[in-house]
Amino acid sequence: MAYDVVVVGGGHNGLVAATYLARAGRTVLVVERLDAVGGAAVSTRAFSGLDARLSRYSYLVSLLPRKIVDDLGLNFAVRRRRISSYTPQGDGGLLVDAQDPARTRAGFARLTGSDREYEAWERFYAMTHRVAQAVFPTLTQPLPTRAELERRVDDPAAWSALFERPLGETVEAAFADDTVRGIVLTDALIGTFTHAHDPSLRQNRCFLYHVIGGGTGDWDVPLGGMGAFTDALADAARAAGVEFATGTEVTGVGADGVRAELTLSDGRTVAARDVLVNASPYALAGLLGEPRPEPAPEGAQLKVNMLLRRLPRLRDGSVDPREAFAGTFHIAEGYAGLQTAYEQAAAGRVPDAPPSEIYCHSLTDPSILSPDLAGQGMHTLTLFGLHAPARLFAADPAGAKEAVTRATLAQLDAVLAEPLADCLALDAEGRPCIEAKSPLDLEREVGLPGGHIFHRDLSWPYADQDVTDATGRWGVGTAYANVYLCGAGAIRGGGVSGVPGHNAAMAVLEKAR
């Protein structure tokens, strides 16, 4: 078999790349190890006998440019969450209502005793909004150099705060309250095992990608679940003529910069002019028979999916649970607590108070529940735990996962007026509707190296110097001129964005001109 392009991995970025290239007249084959495409951006009926479509792995959308949706004619939409976040504190809490500044200001005053933190919050996020407006449009353009992006941002203070100094310095200078500082810092720690003052600035890179999406930094709920996105992509790919080989693994790649040959798990070989790799750089090294990069990627999160009979009551009687759970519900994410949890996990211990964030997608998008379940008042609940590095699970995967899950849910129970367990629905066999995924599970189930949701540490969205070759210009290059990264490990990869898939396709087309 021979194709113009073979895409290794049928996750959302691979589907984006394949569709662009097929529409440009290339013959394209997508090879996917699993029985269905979608990668980590899928919806699953996780609990037997219950028609609830959970976004099992990836769960929110921010970095997906409207350009990609429009270019590919995707039947897909997202919905904005009115409530930005809720953070319980003692018997009270802070609700950030994106549509009611007066209400949010009053909440800050109750929590902190004055308007100072609210005003600092408004200044800080006005700054990140300006940066987002400058940076986000560049993600689907050839890479700017660092100097070009700095000129585009055109704000020396913002550039210093986000691109040059450890984020902890900026957060501590802007805010005084520990709870508020923690809320801000969490965006620097999603899938990234680090701390506020890490001199490598990996926390800054993670934070940047979490505040630039759409030019606003908003994180939206995918209507119909995350699988609706990859279903729409797969439909568009098939309509463009893309061929699929599912349930088939690429076991080797040979390339000389001009032609490539791929070996498949069923013994077949496939020839291609170009190979786009939606797998990680770590996996690609293995396919090429080359030394794998060190250190190996390490994921650092716990994902817990639940189906509830009803939302739990809160200790904070001033807020409706339907509002508190509608945005990002912060648990044990005070600034000092985040540092303590990091230090304990780095030392190989389960943190005493594992931090986490919780989301109830069914409040924003009831369509992920059958009419029967919705009518009963059921809801989905997704928990994303921080500072849960893969090393904690290595010696005893099942036992460690149980221990980390138990410790994490104990922090949630501490702010509820009733045990979460009392609110869990039961599946057709009478089992509680809860499943937990450690980094080791993510590696085994969807091929994320070390369970790292970004494939490796996120990169700055610029080139250190001017580059002229197509793969370098688009941030998708490897050591071989005809092998491209089109997944999260590319420059400007990470999150559900389609950006590296788009950029790899643009590099292929540019090189051919």
Protein backbone atom coordinates (compact mmCIF):
# COMPACT_ATOMS: atom_id res chain seq x y z
CA MET A 1 0.00 0.00 0.00
CA ALA A 2 1.16 3.53 -0.71
CA TYR A 3 -0.26 6.91 0.27
CA ASP A 4 0.79 10.50 0.01
CA VAL A 5 0.38 10.82 3.78
CA VAL A 6 0.07 8.38 6.68
CA VAL A 7 -1.11 9.76 10.02
CA VAL A 8 0.00 7.78 13.07
CA GLY A 9 -2.79 8.01 15.63
CA GLY A 10 -6.44 8.94 15.20
CA GLY A 11 -6.80 11.44 18.01
CA HIS A 12 -8.40 14.79 17.28
CA ASN A 13 -5.21 16.42 16.01
CA GLY A 14 -4.54 13.55 13.64
CA LEU A 15 -8.09 13.82 12.30
CA VAL A 16 -7.69 17.57 11.76
CA ALA A 17 -4.44 17.09 9.83
CA ALA A 18 -5.85 14.22 7.78
CA THR A 19 -8.94 16.17 6.78
CA TYR A 20 -7.04 19.27 5.70
CA LEU A 21 -4.67 17.18 3.59
CA ALA A 22 -7.36 15.02 2.00
CA ARG A 23 -9.27 18.14 1.07
CA ALA A 24 -6.10 19.40 -0.59
CA GLY A 25 -6.05 16.32 -2.80
CA ARG A 26 -3.67 14.06 -0.88
CA THR A 27 -4.31 10.36 -0.37
CA VAL A 28 -4.36 9.88 3.40
CA LEU A 29 -4.40 6.85 5.70
CA VAL A 30 -4.97 7.20 9.46
CA VAL A 31 -3.67 4.27 11.53
CA GLU A 32 -5.18 3.99 15.02
CA ARG A 33 -4.21 1.44 17.68
CA LEU A 34 -7.66 1.46 19.29
CA ASP A 35 -10.83 0.15 17.69
CA ALA A 36 -12.23 3.66 17.24
CA VAL A 37 -10.74 7.07 16.52
CA GLY A 38 -10.89 10.04 18.88
CA GLY A 39 -7.97 9.38 21.21
CA ALA A 40 -8.51 11.11 24.55
CA ALA A 41 -11.29 13.34 23.16
CA VAL A 42 -14.11 10.82 23.38
CA SER A 43 -17.45 10.33 25.12
CA THR A 44 -18.22 7.07 26.90
CA ARG A 45 -21.19 5.43 28.57
CA ALA A 46 -18.99 4.50 31.50
CA PHE A 47 -21.64 3.02 33.80
CA SER A 48 -23.64 -0.03 32.74
CA GLY A 49 -27.33 0.45 32.12
CA LEU A 50 -27.19 4.24 32.36
CA ASP A 51 -27.34 6.49 29.30
CA ALA A 52 -24.90 9.18 30.41
CA ARG A 53 -22.19 10.16 27.92
CA LEU A 54 -19.17 11.23 29.94
CA SER A 55 -16.12 12.96 28.49
CA ARG A 56 -13.91 10.27 29.99
CA TYR A 57 -10.50 11.89 29.44
CA SER A 58 -10.44 15.39 27.88
CA TYR A 59 -13.39 17.45 29.06
CA LEU A 60 -13.31 21.20 28.23
CA VAL A 61 -12.54 23.25 25.11
CA SER A 62 -10.70 26.58 24.98
CA LEU A 63 -7.83 26.46 22.49
CA LEU A 64 -9.82 25.24 19.46
CA PRO A 65 -9.78 28.08 16.90
CA ARG A 66 -13.08 28.83 15.20
CA LYS A 67 -11.08 28.83 11.97
CA ILE A 68 -10.60 25.05 12.16
CA VAL A 69 -14.29 24.40 12.82
CA ASP A 70 -15.26 26.63 9.89
CA ASP A 71 -12.54 25.41 7.50
CA LEU A 72 -13.59 21.79 7.97
CA GLY A 73 -17.33 22.48 8.14
CA LEU A 74 -17.71 20.72 11.46
CA ASN A 75 -21.13 20.26 13.02
CA PHE A 76 -19.85 21.07 16.48
CA ALA A 77 -20.44 23.79 19.06
CA VAL A 78 -19.48 24.72 22.60
CA ARG A 79 -21.40 26.51 25.33
CA ARG A 80 -20.02 29.16 27.65
CA ARG A 81 -20.33 28.63 31.41
CA ARG A 82 -21.84 31.61 33.20
CA ILE A 83 -20.16 30.72 36.49
CA SER A 84 -16.41 30.96 36.23
CA SER A 85 -15.61 29.30 39.53
CA TYR A 86 -16.65 28.57 43.09
CA THR A 87 -14.17 28.10 45.91
CA PRO A 88 -15.49 26.95 49.30
CA GLN A 89 -13.82 28.44 52.33
CA GLY A 90 -14.99 27.32 55.75
CA ASP A 91 -18.77 27.69 55.87
CA GLY A 92 -18.66 30.27 53.06
CA GLY A 93 -17.03 30.57 49.68
CA LEU A 94 -16.23 32.71 46.66
CA LEU A 95 -18.48 32.53 43.59
CA VAL A 96 -17.10 34.23 40.47
CA ASP A 97 -20.07 35.08 38.24
CA ALA A 98 -18.86 36.08 34.78
CA GLN A 99 -22.07 38.00 34.08
CA ASP A 100 -22.52 39.81 37.41
CA PRO A 101 -19.49 41.90 38.44
CA ALA A 102 -21.30 43.42 41.42
CA ARG A 103 -22.10 40.00 42.82
CA THR A 104 -18.53 38.86 42.29
CA ARG A 105 -17.14 42.00 43.95
CA ALA A 106 -19.36 41.39 46.97
CA GLY A 107 -18.11 37.82 47.17
CA PHE A 108 -14.49 38.96 47.20
CA ALA A 109 -15.30 41.47 49.92
CA ARG A 110 -16.95 38.80 52.09
CA LEU A 111 -13.99 36.48 51.66
CA THR A 112 -11.15 38.98 52.06
CA GLY A 113 -12.69 41.89 53.98
CA SER A 114 -12.23 44.56 51.30
CA ASP A 115 -12.43 45.33 47.58
CA ARG A 116 -8.65 45.16 47.13
CA GLU A 117 -8.46 41.58 45.85
CA TYR A 118 -11.39 42.02 43.47
CA GLU A 119 -9.79 45.11 41.95
CA ALA A 120 -6.46 43.28 41.66
CA TRP A 121 -8.31 40.36 40.02
CA GLU A 122 -9.87 42.68 37.44
CA ARG A 123 -6.51 44.29 36.63
CA PHE A 124 -4.73 40.95 36.40
CA TYR A 125 -7.24 39.33 34.06
CA ALA A 126 -7.52 42.47 31.95
CA MET A 127 -3.79 42.02 31.42
CA THR A 128 -4.09 38.33 30.49
CA HIS A 129 -6.98 39.20 28.16
CA ARG A 130 -4.79 41.68 26.28
CA VAL A 131 -2.08 39.05 25.96
CA ALA A 132 -4.64 36.50 24.76
CA GLN A 133 -5.88 38.89 22.09
CA ALA A 134 -2.31 39.27 20.83
CA VAL A 135 -1.12 35.67 21.09
CA PHE A 136 -4.08 33.44 20.23
CA PRO A 137 -4.38 34.45 16.55
CA THR A 138 -0.74 33.45 16.01
CA LEU A 139 -1.37 29.80 16.92
CA THR A 140 -2.56 28.96 13.40
CA GLN A 141 0.10 31.07 11.70
CA PRO A 142 3.80 30.34 11.10
CA LEU A 143 5.71 30.61 14.36
CA PRO A 144 6.69 34.13 15.32
CA THR A 145 10.12 34.60 16.79
CA ARG A 146 10.34 35.52 20.45
CA ALA A 147 11.11 39.13 19.50
CA GLU A 148 8.17 39.25 17.08
CA LEU A 149 5.75 37.91 19.68
CA GLU A 150 7.05 40.35 22.28
CA ARG A 151 6.42 43.22 19.88
CA ARG A 152 2.95 41.87 19.19
CA VAL A 153 2.12 41.72 22.90
CA ASP A 154 3.39 45.30 23.17
CA ASP A 155 3.21 45.39 26.97
CA PRO A 156 6.59 45.14 28.74
CA ALA A 157 5.04 44.56 32.16
CA ALA A 158 2.78 41.77 30.90
CA TRP A 159 5.61 40.19 28.95
CA SER A 160 7.82 40.17 32.02
CA ALA A 161 5.04 38.81 34.23
CA LEU A 162 4.11 35.90 31.98
CA PHE A 163 7.17 35.15 29.85
CA GLU A 164 10.23 36.05 31.91
CA ARG A 165 9.68 35.76 35.67
CA PRO A 166 8.39 32.78 37.67
CA LEU A 167 4.63 33.14 37.86
CA GLY A 168 4.72 32.99 41.64
CA GLU A 169 6.42 36.39 41.74
CA THR A 170 3.62 37.90 39.67
CA VAL A 171 0.84 36.25 41.68
CA GLU A 172 2.35 37.28 45.01
CA ALA A 173 2.83 40.87 43.84
CA ALA A 174 -0.74 41.13 42.55
CA PHE A 175 -2.69 39.37 45.31
CA ALA A 176 -2.50 39.14 49.08
CA ASP A 177 -5.15 36.54 49.93
CA ASP A 178 -4.07 32.89 49.98
CA THR A 179 -7.32 31.59 48.51
CA VAL A 180 -7.29 34.09 45.65
CA ARG A 181 -3.64 33.41 44.92
CA GLY A 182 -4.41 29.70 44.75
CA ILE A 183 -7.31 30.12 42.35
CA VAL A 184 -5.05 32.03 39.99
CA LEU A 185 -2.15 29.59 40.25
CA THR A 186 -4.19 26.48 39.46
CA ASP A 187 -4.15 27.29 35.74
CA ALA A 188 -0.38 26.86 35.87
CA LEU A 189 -0.61 23.34 37.28
CA ILE A 190 -3.08 21.51 35.05
CA GLY A 191 -1.31 18.35 33.91
CA THR A 192 1.98 20.01 34.92
CA PHE A 193 3.88 18.86 38.00
CA THR A 194 5.59 22.01 39.15
CA HIS A 195 5.39 24.90 41.61
CA ALA A 196 4.92 28.65 41.53
CA HIS A 197 8.64 29.51 41.58
CA ASP A 198 10.01 26.84 39.24
CA PRO A 199 12.95 28.54 37.47
CA SER A 200 12.27 26.52 34.29
CA LEU A 201 9.01 28.52 33.91
CA ARG A 202 7.04 25.41 32.94
CA GLN A 203 4.30 26.80 35.21
CA ASN A 204 4.25 30.00 33.13
CA ARG A 205 3.92 28.04 29.89
CA CYS A 206 1.04 26.00 31.27
CA PHE A 207 -0.63 29.14 32.60
CA LEU A 208 -0.26 30.94 29.28
CA TYR A 209 -2.11 28.23 27.35
CA HIS A 210 -4.86 28.27 29.94
CA VAL A 211 -5.56 32.00 29.60
CA ILE A 212 -5.25 32.66 25.85
CA GLY A 213 -7.89 30.33 24.40
CA GLY A 214 -10.21 32.01 21.91
CA GLY A 215 -8.53 35.30 22.72
CA THR A 216 -10.49 35.33 25.99
CA GLY A 217 -9.21 32.46 28.12
CA ASP A 218 -12.71 31.02 28.51
CA TRP A 219 -13.07 27.26 28.93
CA ASP A 220 -16.28 25.98 27.36
CA VAL A 221 -18.35 22.81 27.50
CA PRO A 222 -18.49 20.76 24.27
CA LEU A 223 -22.14 20.26 23.36
CA GLY A 224 -22.92 16.57 23.16
CA GLY A 225 -19.73 15.71 25.05
CA MET A 226 -16.15 15.63 23.84
CA GLY A 227 -16.98 12.74 21.54
CA ALA A 228 -19.23 15.04 19.53
CA PHE A 229 -16.10 16.87 18.40
CA THR A 230 -14.18 13.82 17.25
CA ASP A 231 -17.32 12.29 15.71
CA ALA A 232 -17.71 15.45 13.62
CA LEU A 233 -14.03 15.31 12.68
CA ALA A 234 -14.24 11.65 11.68
CA ASP A 235 -17.29 12.39 9.53
CA ALA A 236 -15.47 15.26 7.83
CA ALA A 237 -12.39 13.10 7.28
CA ARG A 238 -14.38 10.29 5.67
CA ALA A 239 -16.24 12.76 3.48
CA ALA A 240 -12.86 14.09 2.29
CA GLY A 241 -11.70 10.59 1.37
CA VAL A 242 -9.49 9.73 4.34
CA GLU A 243 -9.01 5.99 4.86
CA PHE A 244 -8.79 4.43 8.32
CA ALA A 245 -7.04 1.37 9.74
CA THR A 246 -8.35 1.00 13.29
CA GLY A 247 -7.36 -1.72 15.72
CA THR A 248 -3.94 -1.52 14.09
CA GLU A 249 -0.71 -0.28 15.61
CA VAL A 250 2.27 1.25 13.86
CA THR A 251 5.26 -0.71 15.14
CA GLY A 252 8.04 0.96 13.18
CA VAL A 253 8.81 3.95 10.98
CA GLY A 254 11.69 4.20 8.53
CA ALA A 255 12.33 7.55 6.87
CA ASP A 256 15.07 9.20 4.84
CA GLY A 257 13.60 12.68 4.50
CA VAL A 258 12.03 11.91 1.11
CA ARG A 259 10.13 8.64 1.48
CA ALA A 260 8.94 6.65 4.46
CA GLU A 261 7.86 3.11 5.20
CA LEU A 262 5.70 2.12 8.14
CA THR A 263 5.39 -1.36 9.62
CA LEU A 264 1.99 -2.29 11.07
CA SER A 265 1.10 -4.73 13.82
CA ASP A 266 -0.68 -7.02 11.35
CA GLY A 267 2.54 -7.47 9.37
CA ARG A 268 1.71 -5.12 6.51
CA THR A 269 3.98 -2.31 5.38
CA VAL A 270 2.77 1.03 4.07
CA ALA A 271 4.77 3.49 1.97
CA ALA A 272 4.24 7.23 2.24
CA ARG A 273 5.75 10.46 1.08
CA ASP A 274 5.03 12.15 4.43
CA VAL A 275 4.31 10.79 7.91
CA LEU A 276 2.40 12.83 10.47
CA VAL A 277 2.76 11.57 14.02
CA ASN A 278 -0.09 12.21 16.43
CA ALA A 279 1.72 10.13 19.04
CA SER A 280 4.20 11.68 21.45
CA PRO A 281 7.83 12.52 20.63
CA TYR A 282 8.74 9.84 23.18
CA ALA A 283 6.74 7.23 21.25
CA LEU A 284 8.08 8.48 17.91
CA ALA A 285 11.66 7.85 19.03
CA GLY A 286 10.73 4.24 19.71
CA LEU A 287 9.08 3.87 16.31
CA LEU A 288 12.20 5.23 14.62
CA GLY A 289 14.44 2.91 16.63
CA GLU A 290 16.22 5.86 18.20
CA PRO A 291 17.03 6.64 21.85
CA ARG A 292 14.03 8.00 23.70
CA PRO A 293 14.33 11.54 25.10
CA GLU A 294 15.21 11.86 28.77
CA PRO A 295 13.71 12.40 31.21
CA ALA A 296 10.67 10.38 30.22
CA PRO A 297 7.37 12.32 30.34
CA GLU A 298 5.45 12.01 33.59
CA GLY A 299 1.78 12.81 33.98
CA ALA A 300 0.63 14.29 37.26
CA GLN A 301 -3.15 14.14 37.51
CA LEU A 302 -6.03 12.05 38.79
CA LYS A 303 -9.25 12.01 36.74
CA VAL A 304 -12.43 10.84 38.47
CA ASN A 305 -15.71 10.46 36.57
CA MET A 306 -18.98 10.19 38.45
CA LEU A 307 -22.72 10.05 37.91
CA LEU A 308 -24.83 11.46 40.74
CA ARG A 309 -28.44 10.86 41.72
CA ARG A 310 -28.44 14.53 42.67
CA LEU A 311 -25.98 17.30 43.41
CA PRO A 312 -24.74 17.28 47.01
CA ARG A 313 -25.67 19.98 49.48
CA LEU A 314 -22.90 22.40 50.50
CA ARG A 315 -21.78 23.61 53.90
CA ASP A 316 -22.02 27.08 52.39
CA GLY A 317 -25.76 27.65 52.50
CA SER A 318 -25.50 30.97 50.67
CA VAL A 319 -24.94 29.40 47.25
CA ASP A 320 -27.11 27.04 45.22
CA PRO A 321 -25.22 23.84 44.33
CA ARG A 322 -26.48 24.29 40.76
CA GLU A 323 -24.39 27.47 40.61
CA ALA A 324 -21.43 26.23 42.64
CA PHE A 325 -20.90 23.18 40.45
CA ALA A 326 -21.65 24.95 37.15
CA GLY A 327 -18.17 26.45 36.87
CA THR A 328 -14.81 25.24 38.15
CA PHE A 329 -15.22 24.07 41.76
CA HIS A 330 -11.86 24.48 43.52
CA ILE A 331 -11.00 22.07 46.34
CA ALA A 332 -7.94 22.38 48.62
CA GLU A 333 -6.35 24.82 46.17
CA GLY A 334 -5.14 27.55 48.47
CA TYR A 335 -1.74 28.93 47.49
CA ALA A 336 0.19 27.55 50.46
CA GLY A 337 -1.66 24.24 50.24
CA LEU A 338 -0.72 23.83 46.60
CA GLN A 339 2.94 24.22 47.51
CA THR A 340 2.67 21.74 50.38
CA ALA A 341 0.92 19.19 48.16
CA TYR A 342 3.63 19.60 45.53
CA GLU A 343 6.43 19.09 48.05
CA GLN A 344 4.77 16.00 49.52
CA ALA A 345 4.14 14.44 46.11
CA ALA A 346 7.67 15.27 44.94
CA ALA A 347 8.93 13.38 47.99
CA GLY A 348 6.89 10.34 46.94
CA ARG A 349 3.98 10.82 49.35
CA VAL A 350 0.27 11.09 48.72
CA PRO A 351 -0.46 14.70 49.71
CA ASP A 352 -2.34 15.14 52.98
CA ALA A 353 -4.80 17.44 51.19
CA PRO A 354 -4.71 16.62 47.46
CA PRO A 355 -5.93 19.61 45.43
CA SER A 356 -8.56 19.15 42.74
CA GLU A 357 -11.08 20.87 40.50
CA ILE A 358 -14.60 19.68 39.81
CA TYR A 359 -16.94 20.25 36.87
CA CYS A 360 -20.59 19.38 36.30
CA HIS A 361 -21.03 19.37 32.53
CA SER A 362 -24.66 18.32 32.63
CA LEU A 363 -25.61 21.65 34.22
CA THR A 364 -24.39 23.40 31.07
CA ASP A 365 -25.27 20.65 28.58
CA PRO A 366 -28.12 18.39 29.73
CA SER A 367 -28.03 16.60 26.36
CA ILE A 368 -25.27 14.29 27.60
CA LEU A 369 -27.92 12.65 29.80
CA SER A 370 -30.90 10.72 28.50
CA PRO A 371 -34.26 12.44 29.13
CA ASP A 372 -34.98 9.78 31.75
CA LEU A 373 -31.79 10.43 33.74
CA ALA A 374 -32.14 14.19 33.42
CA GLY A 375 -35.74 13.95 34.56
CA GLN A 376 -34.61 12.11 37.69
CA GLY A 377 -32.27 14.99 38.56
CA MET A 378 -29.08 13.07 37.85
CA HIS A 379 -25.84 14.86 36.98
CA THR A 380 -22.35 14.05 35.80
CA LEU A 381 -19.41 15.12 37.93
CA THR A 382 -15.81 15.26 36.74
CA LEU A 383 -12.87 15.69 39.11
CA PHE A 384 -9.39 16.62 37.95
CA GLY A 385 -6.79 16.17 40.67
CA LEU A 386 -3.46 18.01 40.72
CA HIS A 387 -0.07 16.93 42.05
CA ALA A 388 -0.66 13.22 41.44
CA PRO A 389 2.53 12.28 39.56
CA ALA A 390 2.86 8.86 37.98
CA ARG A 391 5.66 7.98 40.41
CA LEU A 392 3.08 7.75 43.23
CA PHE A 393 1.34 4.88 41.44
CA ALA A 394 4.34 2.88 40.19
CA ALA A 395 4.83 0.39 43.04
CA ASP A 396 1.16 -0.44 43.65
CA PRO A 397 -1.01 0.96 40.85
CA ALA A 398 -4.38 -0.19 42.19
CA GLY A 399 -3.65 0.48 45.85
CA ALA A 400 -2.15 3.89 45.20
CA LYS A 401 -5.05 4.90 42.98
CA GLU A 402 -7.49 3.94 45.71
CA ALA A 403 -5.49 5.87 48.31
CA VAL A 404 -5.15 9.02 46.19
CA THR A 405 -8.82 8.92 45.20
CA ARG A 406 -9.91 8.45 48.80
CA ALA A 407 -7.73 11.31 50.04
CA THR A 408 -8.91 13.60 47.23
CA LEU A 409 -12.60 12.90 47.78
CA ALA A 410 -12.14 13.45 51.52
CA GLN A 411 -11.23 17.06 50.72
CA LEU A 412 -14.47 17.40 48.76
CA ASP A 413 -16.50 15.81 51.54
CA ALA A 414 -15.05 18.37 53.96
CA VAL A 415 -16.93 21.18 52.19
CA LEU A 416 -20.17 19.27 51.67
CA ALA A 417 -23.12 19.06 54.03
CA GLU A 418 -23.50 15.34 53.23
CA PRO A 419 -21.16 12.59 52.07
CA LEU A 420 -20.60 12.47 48.33
CA ALA A 421 -21.06 8.69 48.46
CA ASP A 422 -24.71 9.21 49.43
CA CYS A 423 -25.28 11.09 46.16
CA LEU A 424 -23.70 8.60 43.76
CA ALA A 425 -26.02 6.83 41.34
CA LEU A 426 -25.89 3.03 41.09
CA ASP A 427 -25.33 1.20 37.82
CA ALA A 428 -27.30 -1.78 36.52
CA GLU A 429 -25.32 -4.12 38.82
CA GLY A 430 -25.87 -1.92 41.87
CA ARG A 431 -22.33 -0.52 41.91
CA PRO A 432 -21.60 3.16 42.68
CA CYS A 433 -21.10 5.18 39.50
CA ILE A 434 -17.51 6.30 39.99
CA GLU A 435 -14.30 5.54 38.10
CA ALA A 436 -10.80 6.89 38.62
CA LYS A 437 -7.98 7.21 36.09
CA SER A 438 -4.35 7.56 37.17
CA PRO A 439 -1.50 8.57 34.85
CA LEU A 440 -0.72 4.87 34.43
CA ASP A 441 -4.28 4.25 33.24
CA LEU A 442 -3.98 7.04 30.68
CA GLU A 443 -0.74 5.56 29.38
CA ARG A 444 -2.26 2.09 29.03
CA GLU A 445 -5.64 3.13 27.65
CA VAL A 446 -4.89 6.02 25.29
CA GLY A 447 -1.12 5.87 24.89
CA LEU A 448 -0.18 9.06 26.73
CA PRO A 449 3.51 8.69 27.68
CA GLY A 450 3.75 8.38 31.44
CA GLY A 451 0.14 9.57 31.45
CA HIS A 452 1.29 13.07 30.43
CA ILE A 453 -1.77 14.79 28.96
CA PHE A 454 0.40 17.18 26.91
CA HIS A 455 2.83 14.43 25.74
CA ARG A 456 5.67 16.49 27.25
CA ASP A 457 6.14 19.87 28.93
CA LEU A 458 4.36 22.62 27.02
CA SER A 459 6.47 24.90 24.85
CA TRP A 460 6.48 28.64 24.38
CA PRO A 461 4.40 29.64 21.31
CA TYR A 462 7.38 31.13 19.50
CA ALA A 463 10.66 30.19 17.83
CA ASP A 464 13.88 31.24 19.52
CA GLN A 465 15.24 32.38 16.17
CA ASP A 466 14.01 32.88 12.63
CA VAL A 467 13.42 29.61 10.77
CA THR A 468 12.88 29.19 7.06
CA ASP A 469 12.03 25.51 6.46
CA ALA A 470 8.33 24.61 6.47
CA THR A 471 8.41 22.22 9.42
CA GLY A 472 10.33 24.70 11.56
CA ARG A 473 8.12 27.60 10.53
CA TRP A 474 5.05 25.70 11.72
CA GLY A 475 6.63 24.18 14.84
CA VAL A 476 6.05 20.57 13.79
CA GLY A 477 9.49 19.41 12.72
CA THR A 478 11.54 16.35 13.62
CA ALA A 479 15.00 15.20 12.55
CA TYR A 480 13.46 13.97 9.27
CA ALA A 481 12.14 16.39 6.66
CA ASN A 482 9.15 14.16 5.88
CA VAL A 483 8.18 13.20 9.45
CA TYR A 484 6.07 15.76 11.29
CA LEU A 485 4.64 16.04 14.78
CA CYS A 486 0.92 16.73 14.57
CA GLY A 487 -0.02 16.06 18.20
CA ALA A 488 0.28 17.66 21.60
CA GLY A 489 4.07 17.33 21.59
CA ALA A 490 4.44 19.81 18.74
CA ILE A 491 5.22 23.44 19.49
CA ARG A 492 1.86 25.03 20.37
CA GLY A 493 0.42 21.59 21.12
CA GLY A 494 -1.59 20.61 24.19
CA GLY A 495 -5.27 20.73 25.03
CA VAL A 496 -8.15 20.02 22.68
CA SER A 497 -7.21 22.51 20.00
CA GLY A 498 -6.55 20.93 16.63
CA VAL A 499 -3.76 23.50 16.30
CA PRO A 500 -0.82 21.11 15.81
CA GLY A 501 -2.91 19.07 13.36
CA HIS A 502 -3.67 22.21 11.37
CA ASN A 503 -0.06 23.36 11.51
CA ALA A 504 1.39 20.02 10.41
CA ALA A 505 -0.98 19.98 7.44
CA MET A 506 0.04 23.53 6.53
CA ALA A 507 3.72 22.53 6.69
CA VAL A 508 3.14 19.60 4.31
CA LEU A 509 1.31 21.82 1.85
CA GLU A 510 3.85 24.64 2.11
CA LYS A 511 6.77 22.28 1.51
CA ALA A 512 5.12 21.01 -1.67
CA ARG A 513 4.73 24.48 -3.16
